[in-house]
Amino acid sequence: MKKTMFIAVLALGLVLMSMPAAFAIELGTNITIYDGSTYGTNSWYGTQEDNEVEWQSVANQSWDLEGMFLKGTTLSLVGGWDFTNETLHSAPSQYDRDGDKYYTSGDVFIDVDGVSGYDEVFDVAWADGNYTLYKLDADSKYLTTTYVNESNPWKYLSDGDIVTNASGSFSMVQLTVAEAEAVGLEGSDTHNVVSFDLLPILNDLGVSKTGFTAHFTMECGNDNLMGAAPVPEPQTLLLMGIGLLGLAFIGRKKLGDRS
């Protein structure tokens, strides 16, 4: 009995050792899309996006936004950019939207209908680690970057309607080398991650799932991060359901034949 138990434990250990390493941070699906910027030599999203910035395409990780990822209702932004801290600069004043000699992160804008601009925004207090969701309309105001128009909007300003029970908190974490490489990013660089829960948007819309386009940039507009997740088509969901039912029927039939 002891010998049998030992062999079972040893076999389990070998199986676990052969399994892929589990990551502490799992980002889900990369939903990054072309950001619309035509500045510099890299004008579309691709592998070169990892370690460059759109404006003049200067390879500098500290200004880089790398990707948007979606896992369930969790939207994650990844970049070498330090999302939560102000960045001191000595650039000409036309890059500095509010004239304080610091560049800061903007807010996270969400478009859920694709026809009338952005519909909701996570108004983020980056230094404090919290955010509030607002619903936007034609009267809502936001700040823009002063130099790179393709990167707008930058920051929510006023005249939106706060969404009930839609405040939350977050913290910035960093990917390990293995975690970065697993999602196609250059592991030798610093990759910061901030995440937001989209569930309040779904609750506000009264739906269980929706397609959306998300947008983020920093004050200088140096890089512009865009992501999009489509709504599954009803036909696709129906076919998936039929397929799963078919597999279940086949499995049940085989089990009956064995008995």
C-alpha atoms as a PDB file:
ATOM      1  CA  MET A   1       0.000   0.000   0.000  1.00  0.00           C
ATOM      2  CA  LYS A   2       2.808   2.404   0.969  1.00  0.00           C
ATOM      3  CA  LYS A   3       4.658   1.540  -2.246  1.00  0.00           C
ATOM      4  CA  THR A   4       1.543   2.231  -4.309  1.00  0.00           C
ATOM      5  CA  MET A   5       1.025   5.587  -2.539  1.00  0.00           C
ATOM      6  CA  PHE A   6       4.658   6.551  -3.116  1.00  0.00           C
ATOM      7  CA  ILE A   7       4.406   5.784  -6.821  1.00  0.00           C
ATOM      8  CA  ALA A   8       1.172   7.807  -7.080  1.00  0.00           C
ATOM      9  CA  VAL A   9       2.720  10.834  -5.351  1.00  0.00           C
ATOM     10  CA  LEU A  10       5.836  10.598  -7.522  1.00  0.00           C
ATOM     11  CA  ALA A  11       3.738  10.421 -10.691  1.00  0.00           C
ATOM     12  CA  LEU A  12       1.696  13.452  -9.598  1.00  0.00           C
ATOM     13  CA  GLY A  13       4.901  15.371  -8.915  1.00  0.00           C
ATOM     14  CA  LEU A  14       6.256  14.593 -12.377  1.00  0.00           C
ATOM     15  CA  VAL A  15       2.994  15.724 -13.974  1.00  0.00           C
ATOM     16  CA  LEU A  16       3.025  19.009 -12.056  1.00  0.00           C
ATOM     17  CA  MET A  17       6.656  19.618 -12.973  1.00  0.00           C
ATOM     18  CA  SER A  18       5.863  19.129 -16.651  1.00  0.00           C
ATOM     19  CA  MET A  19       2.957  21.593 -16.625  1.00  0.00           C
ATOM     20  CA  PRO A  20       3.514  25.182 -17.862  1.00  0.00           C
ATOM     21  CA  ALA A  21       4.371  27.660 -15.122  1.00  0.00           C
ATOM     22  CA  ALA A  22       1.383  29.471 -13.630  1.00  0.00           C
ATOM     23  CA  PHE A  23       1.683  33.257 -13.635  1.00  0.00           C
ATOM     24  CA  ALA A  24       0.678  35.537 -10.793  1.00  0.00           C
ATOM     25  CA  ILE A  25      -0.651  38.074 -13.313  1.00  0.00           C
ATOM     26  CA  GLU A  26      -2.848  36.678 -16.077  1.00  0.00           C
ATOM     27  CA  LEU A  27      -3.860  39.379 -18.545  1.00  0.00           C
ATOM     28  CA  GLY A  28      -6.147  37.370 -20.815  1.00  0.00           C
ATOM     29  CA  THR A  29      -6.613  38.329 -24.480  1.00  0.00           C
ATOM     30  CA  ASN A  30      -4.621  41.069 -26.183  1.00  0.00           C
ATOM     31  CA  ILE A  31      -7.282  43.414 -27.630  1.00  0.00           C
ATOM     32  CA  THR A  32      -4.905  46.193 -28.772  1.00  0.00           C
ATOM     33  CA  ILE A  33      -5.792  47.791 -32.106  1.00  0.00           C
ATOM     34  CA  TYR A  34      -4.229  50.342 -34.462  1.00  0.00           C
ATOM     35  CA  ASP A  35      -4.268  53.633 -32.605  1.00  0.00           C
ATOM     36  CA  GLY A  36      -4.770  55.953 -35.574  1.00  0.00           C
ATOM     37  CA  SER A  37      -1.432  57.710 -35.135  1.00  0.00           C
ATOM     38  CA  THR A  38       0.610  58.260 -38.292  1.00  0.00           C
ATOM     39  CA  TYR A  39       3.587  59.988 -36.681  1.00  0.00           C
ATOM     40  CA  GLY A  40       7.074  58.584 -36.941  1.00  0.00           C
ATOM     41  CA  THR A  41       8.147  55.445 -38.752  1.00  0.00           C
ATOM     42  CA  ASN A  42       5.812  53.036 -36.914  1.00  0.00           C
ATOM     43  CA  SER A  43       2.209  53.927 -37.676  1.00  0.00           C
ATOM     44  CA  TRP A  44       0.365  50.735 -36.691  1.00  0.00           C
ATOM     45  CA  TYR A  45       0.193  48.239 -33.863  1.00  0.00           C
ATOM     46  CA  GLY A  46       2.598  45.323 -34.185  1.00  0.00           C
ATOM     47  CA  THR A  47       5.581  43.699 -32.538  1.00  0.00           C
ATOM     48  CA  GLN A  48       7.565  46.937 -32.829  1.00  0.00           C
ATOM     49  CA  GLU A  49       5.003  48.632 -30.576  1.00  0.00           C
ATOM     50  CA  ASP A  50       6.580  47.045 -27.535  1.00  0.00           C
ATOM     51  CA  ASN A  51       9.600  49.288 -27.207  1.00  0.00           C
ATOM     52  CA  GLU A  52       8.863  52.482 -29.099  1.00  0.00           C
ATOM     53  CA  VAL A  53       6.608  55.489 -28.861  1.00  0.00           C
ATOM     54  CA  GLU A  54       4.534  56.838 -31.728  1.00  0.00           C
ATOM     55  CA  TRP A  55       5.596  60.473 -31.556  1.00  0.00           C
ATOM     56  CA  GLN A  56       8.769  60.567 -33.700  1.00  0.00           C
ATOM     57  CA  SER A  57       9.148  56.834 -32.854  1.00  0.00           C
ATOM     58  CA  VAL A  58      11.857  57.390 -30.257  1.00  0.00           C
ATOM     59  CA  ALA A  59      12.727  54.060 -28.627  1.00  0.00           C
ATOM     60  CA  ASN A  60      12.228  54.889 -24.963  1.00  0.00           C
ATOM     61  CA  GLN A  61      10.375  52.471 -22.715  1.00  0.00           C
ATOM     62  CA  SER A  62       9.526  55.090 -20.092  1.00  0.00           C
ATOM     63  CA  TRP A  63       7.155  56.769 -22.575  1.00  0.00           C
ATOM     64  CA  ASP A  64       5.776  53.602 -24.131  1.00  0.00           C
ATOM     65  CA  LEU A  65       2.235  52.235 -23.998  1.00  0.00           C
ATOM     66  CA  GLU A  66       2.268  48.609 -25.084  1.00  0.00           C
ATOM     67  CA  GLY A  67      -1.139  46.990 -25.008  1.00  0.00           C
ATOM     68  CA  MET A  68      -4.661  46.499 -23.683  1.00  0.00           C
ATOM     69  CA  PHE A  69      -5.760  43.111 -22.424  1.00  0.00           C
ATOM     70  CA  LEU A  70      -9.134  41.710 -21.416  1.00  0.00           C
ATOM     71  CA  LYS A  71      -9.839  38.840 -19.052  1.00  0.00           C
ATOM     72  CA  GLY A  72     -13.496  38.435 -18.120  1.00  0.00           C
ATOM     73  CA  THR A  73     -14.570  41.952 -17.144  1.00  0.00           C
ATOM     74  CA  THR A  74     -11.052  43.076 -16.227  1.00  0.00           C
ATOM     75  CA  LEU A  75      -9.458  45.580 -18.607  1.00  0.00           C
ATOM     76  CA  SER A  76      -5.689  45.922 -18.177  1.00  0.00           C
ATOM     77  CA  LEU A  77      -3.330  48.569 -19.560  1.00  0.00           C
ATOM     78  CA  VAL A  78       0.340  47.644 -19.974  1.00  0.00           C
ATOM     79  CA  GLY A  79       3.258  49.952 -20.615  1.00  0.00           C
ATOM     80  CA  GLY A  80       6.750  51.008 -19.671  1.00  0.00           C
ATOM     81  CA  TRP A  81       5.052  54.287 -18.774  1.00  0.00           C
ATOM     82  CA  ASP A  82       4.693  54.884 -15.023  1.00  0.00           C
ATOM     83  CA  PHE A  83       0.902  55.231 -14.868  1.00  0.00           C
ATOM     84  CA  THR A  84       0.601  56.325 -11.239  1.00  0.00           C
ATOM     85  CA  ASN A  85       3.358  58.922 -10.872  1.00  0.00           C
ATOM     86  CA  GLU A  86       3.886  62.313 -12.470  1.00  0.00           C
ATOM     87  CA  THR A  87       6.869  62.509 -14.826  1.00  0.00           C
ATOM     88  CA  LEU A  88       9.034  65.635 -14.692  1.00  0.00           C
ATOM     89  CA  HIS A  89      10.113  66.940 -18.088  1.00  0.00           C
ATOM     90  CA  SER A  90      12.021  69.774 -19.701  1.00  0.00           C
ATOM     91  CA  ALA A  91      10.201  69.723 -23.047  1.00  0.00           C
ATOM     92  CA  PRO A  92       8.821  72.889 -24.697  1.00  0.00           C
ATOM     93  CA  SER A  93       5.645  74.234 -23.134  1.00  0.00           C
ATOM     94  CA  GLN A  94       3.436  73.208 -26.070  1.00  0.00           C
ATOM     95  CA  TYR A  95       3.630  69.605 -24.850  1.00  0.00           C
ATOM     96  CA  ASP A  96       2.542  70.546 -21.319  1.00  0.00           C
ATOM     97  CA  ARG A  97      -1.275  70.775 -21.230  1.00  0.00           C
ATOM     98  CA  ASP A  98      -1.610  72.336 -17.785  1.00  0.00           C
ATOM     99  CA  GLY A  99       1.756  74.134 -17.575  1.00  0.00           C
ATOM    100  CA  ASP A 100       3.025  72.430 -14.411  1.00  0.00           C
ATOM    101  CA  LYS A 101       6.166  70.883 -16.014  1.00  0.00           C
ATOM    102  CA  TYR A 102       4.894  67.390 -15.282  1.00  0.00           C
ATOM    103  CA  TYR A 103       3.294  64.823 -17.568  1.00  0.00           C
ATOM    104  CA  THR A 104       0.495  62.767 -16.029  1.00  0.00           C
ATOM    105  CA  SER A 105      -1.710  59.873 -17.108  1.00  0.00           C
ATOM    106  CA  GLY A 106      -5.093  60.622 -18.621  1.00  0.00           C
ATOM    107  CA  ASP A 107      -8.398  58.847 -17.994  1.00  0.00           C
ATOM    108  CA  VAL A 108      -9.737  55.645 -19.548  1.00  0.00           C
ATOM    109  CA  PHE A 109     -12.483  56.379 -22.102  1.00  0.00           C
ATOM    110  CA  ILE A 110     -14.947  53.674 -23.209  1.00  0.00           C
ATOM    111  CA  ASP A 111     -17.117  53.628 -26.341  1.00  0.00           C
ATOM    112  CA  VAL A 112     -19.876  50.995 -26.303  1.00  0.00           C
ATOM    113  CA  ASP A 113     -21.990  51.950 -29.329  1.00  0.00           C
ATOM    114  CA  GLY A 114     -19.428  53.038 -31.906  1.00  0.00           C
ATOM    115  CA  VAL A 115     -21.504  55.946 -33.190  1.00  0.00           C
ATOM    116  CA  SER A 116     -21.301  58.971 -30.913  1.00  0.00           C
ATOM    117  CA  GLY A 117     -17.845  59.244 -29.401  1.00  0.00           C
ATOM    118  CA  TYR A 118     -17.048  57.935 -25.953  1.00  0.00           C
ATOM    119  CA  ASP A 119     -19.950  56.901 -23.721  1.00  0.00           C
ATOM    120  CA  GLU A 120     -18.291  56.323 -20.342  1.00  0.00           C
ATOM    121  CA  VAL A 121     -15.027  57.259 -18.664  1.00  0.00           C
ATOM    122  CA  PHE A 122     -13.050  55.989 -15.702  1.00  0.00           C
ATOM    123  CA  ASP A 123     -12.055  59.248 -14.012  1.00  0.00           C
ATOM    124  CA  VAL A 124      -8.825  58.088 -12.383  1.00  0.00           C
ATOM    125  CA  ALA A 125      -7.039  59.584  -9.382  1.00  0.00           C
ATOM    126  CA  TRP A 126      -3.738  57.945 -10.301  1.00  0.00           C
ATOM    127  CA  ALA A 127      -1.757  59.015  -7.251  1.00  0.00           C
ATOM    128  CA  ASP A 128      -4.514  57.880  -4.865  1.00  0.00           C
ATOM    129  CA  GLY A 129      -5.235  54.536  -6.539  1.00  0.00           C
ATOM    130  CA  ASN A 130      -8.971  54.979  -7.070  1.00  0.00           C
ATOM    131  CA  TYR A 131     -11.415  55.828  -9.839  1.00  0.00           C
ATOM    132  CA  THR A 132     -15.033  56.788 -10.487  1.00  0.00           C
ATOM    133  CA  LEU A 133     -17.127  55.910 -13.530  1.00  0.00           C
ATOM    134  CA  TYR A 134     -19.008  58.701 -15.315  1.00  0.00           C
ATOM    135  CA  LYS A 135     -21.531  58.529 -18.152  1.00  0.00           C
ATOM    136  CA  LEU A 136     -20.756  61.016 -20.913  1.00  0.00           C
ATOM    137  CA  ASP A 137     -23.012  62.970 -23.259  1.00  0.00           C
ATOM    138  CA  ALA A 138     -22.709  65.770 -25.785  1.00  0.00           C
ATOM    139  CA  ASP A 139     -22.275  68.355 -23.010  1.00  0.00           C
ATOM    140  CA  SER A 140     -19.443  66.544 -21.223  1.00  0.00           C
ATOM    141  CA  LYS A 141     -16.073  68.283 -21.262  1.00  0.00           C
ATOM    142  CA  TYR A 142     -12.579  66.839 -21.406  1.00  0.00           C
ATOM    143  CA  LEU A 143      -9.028  68.083 -21.843  1.00  0.00           C
ATOM    144  CA  THR A 144      -6.991  67.314 -24.943  1.00  0.00           C
ATOM    145  CA  THR A 145      -3.275  66.992 -25.555  1.00  0.00           C
ATOM    146  CA  THR A 146      -1.843  70.143 -27.075  1.00  0.00           C
ATOM    147  CA  TYR A 147       0.288  68.687 -29.838  1.00  0.00           C
ATOM    148  CA  VAL A 148      -0.690  65.193 -31.038  1.00  0.00           C
ATOM    149  CA  ASN A 149      -4.338  65.384 -32.087  1.00  0.00           C
ATOM    150  CA  GLU A 150      -4.572  61.673 -32.893  1.00  0.00           C
ATOM    151  CA  SER A 151      -3.994  60.868 -29.215  1.00  0.00           C
ATOM    152  CA  ASN A 152      -7.080  62.704 -27.905  1.00  0.00           C
ATOM    153  CA  PRO A 153      -8.985  62.747 -25.644  1.00  0.00           C
ATOM    154  CA  TRP A 154      -6.614  62.939 -22.696  1.00  0.00           C
ATOM    155  CA  LYS A 155      -8.504  63.682 -19.467  1.00  0.00           C
ATOM    156  CA  TYR A 156     -12.140  63.949 -18.355  1.00  0.00           C
ATOM    157  CA  LEU A 157     -13.022  67.393 -16.982  1.00  0.00           C
ATOM    158  CA  SER A 158     -16.694  67.849 -16.086  1.00  0.00           C
ATOM    159  CA  ASP A 159     -20.431  67.568 -16.877  1.00  0.00           C
ATOM    160  CA  GLY A 160     -20.747  63.802 -16.882  1.00  0.00           C
ATOM    161  CA  ASP A 161     -23.215  61.828 -14.758  1.00  0.00           C
ATOM    162  CA  ILE A 162     -21.664  59.713 -12.037  1.00  0.00           C
ATOM    163  CA  VAL A 163     -22.683  56.060 -12.269  1.00  0.00           C
ATOM    164  CA  THR A 164     -24.130  54.676  -9.030  1.00  0.00           C
ATOM    165  CA  ASN A 165     -21.899  52.225  -7.142  1.00  0.00           C
ATOM    166  CA  ALA A 166     -19.189  52.538  -9.769  1.00  0.00           C
ATOM    167  CA  SER A 167     -16.163  53.664  -7.770  1.00  0.00           C
ATOM    168  CA  GLY A 168     -13.218  51.356  -7.330  1.00  0.00           C
ATOM    169  CA  SER A 169      -9.553  51.057  -6.472  1.00  0.00           C
ATOM    170  CA  PHE A 170      -6.486  49.705  -8.210  1.00  0.00           C
ATOM    171  CA  SER A 171      -2.754  49.369  -7.802  1.00  0.00           C
ATOM    172  CA  MET A 172       0.058  49.331 -10.340  1.00  0.00           C
ATOM    173  CA  VAL A 173       2.001  46.085 -10.553  1.00  0.00           C
ATOM    174  CA  GLN A 174       4.848  44.917 -12.763  1.00  0.00           C
ATOM    175  CA  LEU A 175       5.073  41.865 -14.964  1.00  0.00           C
ATOM    176  CA  THR A 176       7.910  39.454 -14.397  1.00  0.00           C
ATOM    177  CA  VAL A 177      10.161  38.642 -17.353  1.00  0.00           C
ATOM    178  CA  ALA A 178       8.304  35.350 -17.884  1.00  0.00           C
ATOM    179  CA  GLU A 179       4.887  37.020 -17.708  1.00  0.00           C
ATOM    180  CA  ALA A 180       5.908  39.691 -20.217  1.00  0.00           C
ATOM    181  CA  GLU A 181       7.361  37.174 -22.657  1.00  0.00           C
ATOM    182  CA  ALA A 182       4.224  35.000 -22.352  1.00  0.00           C
ATOM    183  CA  VAL A 183       2.111  37.798 -23.890  1.00  0.00           C
ATOM    184  CA  GLY A 184       4.691  38.755 -26.522  1.00  0.00           C
ATOM    185  CA  LEU A 185       6.386  41.678 -24.771  1.00  0.00           C
ATOM    186  CA  GLU A 186      10.124  42.125 -24.455  1.00  0.00           C
ATOM    187  CA  GLY A 187      10.915  40.619 -21.083  1.00  0.00           C
ATOM    188  CA  SER A 188      14.017  42.704 -20.396  1.00  0.00           C
ATOM    189  CA  ASP A 189      12.027  45.926 -20.046  1.00  0.00           C
ATOM    190  CA  THR A 190       9.833  47.209 -17.236  1.00  0.00           C
ATOM    191  CA  HIS A 191       6.162  46.435 -17.913  1.00  0.00           C
ATOM    192  CA  ASN A 192       3.693  48.189 -15.605  1.00  0.00           C
ATOM    193  CA  VAL A 193       0.084  47.008 -15.368  1.00  0.00           C
ATOM    194  CA  VAL A 194      -3.064  48.792 -14.165  1.00  0.00           C
ATOM    195  CA  SER A 195      -6.512  47.175 -14.311  1.00  0.00           C
ATOM    196  CA  PHE A 196     -10.140  48.324 -14.221  1.00  0.00           C
ATOM    197  CA  ASP A 197     -13.366  46.389 -13.724  1.00  0.00           C
ATOM    198  CA  LEU A 198     -15.870  46.822 -16.575  1.00  0.00           C
ATOM    199  CA  LEU A 199     -18.718  45.247 -14.586  1.00  0.00           C
ATOM    200  CA  PRO A 200     -20.179  48.647 -13.510  1.00  0.00           C
ATOM    201  CA  ILE A 201     -20.527  49.563 -17.206  1.00  0.00           C
ATOM    202  CA  LEU A 202     -22.404  46.323 -17.908  1.00  0.00           C
ATOM    203  CA  ASN A 203     -24.642  46.931 -14.900  1.00  0.00           C
ATOM    204  CA  ASP A 204     -25.301  50.499 -16.027  1.00  0.00           C
ATOM    205  CA  LEU A 205     -26.255  49.310 -19.507  1.00  0.00           C
ATOM    206  CA  GLY A 206     -28.316  46.420 -18.147  1.00  0.00           C
ATOM    207  CA  VAL A 207     -26.465  43.785 -20.198  1.00  0.00           C
ATOM    208  CA  SER A 208     -24.234  40.812 -19.410  1.00  0.00           C
ATOM    209  CA  LYS A 209     -21.720  41.471 -22.201  1.00  0.00           C
ATOM    210  CA  THR A 210     -21.011  44.250 -24.663  1.00  0.00           C
ATOM    211  CA  GLY A 211     -18.483  45.145 -27.297  1.00  0.00           C
ATOM    212  CA  PHE A 212     -16.425  48.258 -26.671  1.00  0.00           C
ATOM    213  CA  THR A 213     -13.470  50.389 -27.707  1.00  0.00           C
ATOM    214  CA  ALA A 214     -11.193  51.717 -24.966  1.00  0.00           C
ATOM    215  CA  HIS A 215      -8.731  54.609 -25.125  1.00  0.00           C
ATOM    216  CA  PHE A 216      -5.901  55.998 -22.992  1.00  0.00           C
ATOM    217  CA  THR A 217      -3.069  58.478 -23.431  1.00  0.00           C
ATOM    218  CA  MET A 218      -0.713  60.558 -21.321  1.00  0.00           C
ATOM    219  CA  GLU A 219      -0.652  64.352 -21.134  1.00  0.00           C
ATOM    220  CA  CYS A 220       1.920  64.851 -23.893  1.00  0.00           C
ATOM    221  CA  GLY A 221       0.066  62.498 -26.255  1.00  0.00           C
ATOM    222  CA  ASN A 222       3.397  60.797 -26.952  1.00  0.00           C
ATOM    223  CA  ASP A 223       1.716  57.410 -27.314  1.00  0.00           C
ATOM    224  CA  ASN A 224      -1.920  56.475 -27.726  1.00  0.00           C
ATOM    225  CA  LEU A 225      -3.327  53.162 -26.525  1.00  0.00           C
ATOM    226  CA  MET A 226      -6.469  51.701 -28.098  1.00  0.00           C
ATOM    227  CA  GLY A 227      -8.232  48.381 -27.537  1.00  0.00           C
ATOM    228  CA  ALA A 228     -11.424  46.815 -28.883  1.00  0.00           C
ATOM    229  CA  ALA A 229     -13.519  43.788 -27.941  1.00  0.00           C
ATOM    230  CA  PRO A 230     -16.426  42.798 -30.217  1.00  0.00           C
ATOM    231  CA  VAL A 231     -19.739  41.399 -28.979  1.00  0.00           C
ATOM    232  CA  PRO A 232     -20.081  37.677 -29.882  1.00  0.00           C
ATOM    233  CA  GLU A 233     -22.595  37.318 -32.708  1.00  0.00           C
ATOM    234  CA  PRO A 234     -25.820  35.468 -31.781  1.00  0.00           C
ATOM    235  CA  GLN A 235     -25.193  32.969 -34.577  1.00  0.00           C
ATOM    236  CA  THR A 236     -21.761  32.196 -33.162  1.00  0.00           C
ATOM    237  CA  LEU A 237     -23.155  31.661 -29.676  1.00  0.00           C
ATOM    238  CA  LEU A 238     -25.881  29.396 -31.085  1.00  0.00           C
ATOM    239  CA  LEU A 239     -23.366  27.268 -32.991  1.00  0.00           C
ATOM    240  CA  MET A 240     -21.158  27.001 -29.912  1.00  0.00           C
ATOM    241  CA  GLY A 241     -24.148  25.884 -27.846  1.00  0.00           C
ATOM    242  CA  ILE A 242     -25.162  23.259 -30.406  1.00  0.00           C
ATOM    243  CA  GLY A 243     -21.592  21.999 -30.546  1.00  0.00           C
ATOM    244  CA  LEU A 244     -21.342  21.658 -26.775  1.00  0.00           C
ATOM    245  CA  LEU A 245     -24.669  19.814 -26.627  1.00  0.00           C
ATOM    246  CA  GLY A 246     -23.456  17.465 -29.347  1.00  0.00           C
ATOM    247  CA  LEU A 247     -20.254  16.695 -27.471  1.00  0.00           C
ATOM    248  CA  ALA A 248     -22.217  16.076 -24.289  1.00  0.00           C
ATOM    249  CA  PHE A 249     -24.572  13.684 -26.126  1.00  0.00           C
ATOM    250  CA  ILE A 250     -21.679  11.736 -27.671  1.00  0.00           C
ATOM    251  CA  GLY A 251     -19.928  11.451 -24.320  1.00  0.00           C
ATOM    252  CA  ARG A 252     -23.101  10.255 -22.617  1.00  0.00           C
ATOM    253  CA  LYS A 253     -23.724   7.680 -25.380  1.00  0.00           C
ATOM    254  CA  LYS A 254     -20.200   6.257 -25.059  1.00  0.00           C
ATOM    255  CA  LEU A 255     -20.615   6.029 -21.290  1.00  0.00           C
ATOM    256  CA  GLY A 256     -23.908   4.143 -21.804  1.00  0.00           C
ATOM    257  CA  ASP A 257     -22.281   1.720 -24.248  1.00  0.00           C
ATOM    258  CA  ARG A 258     -19.533   0.894 -21.738  1.00  0.00           C
ATOM    259  CA  SER A 259     -22.058   0.145 -19.027  1.00  0.00           C
END
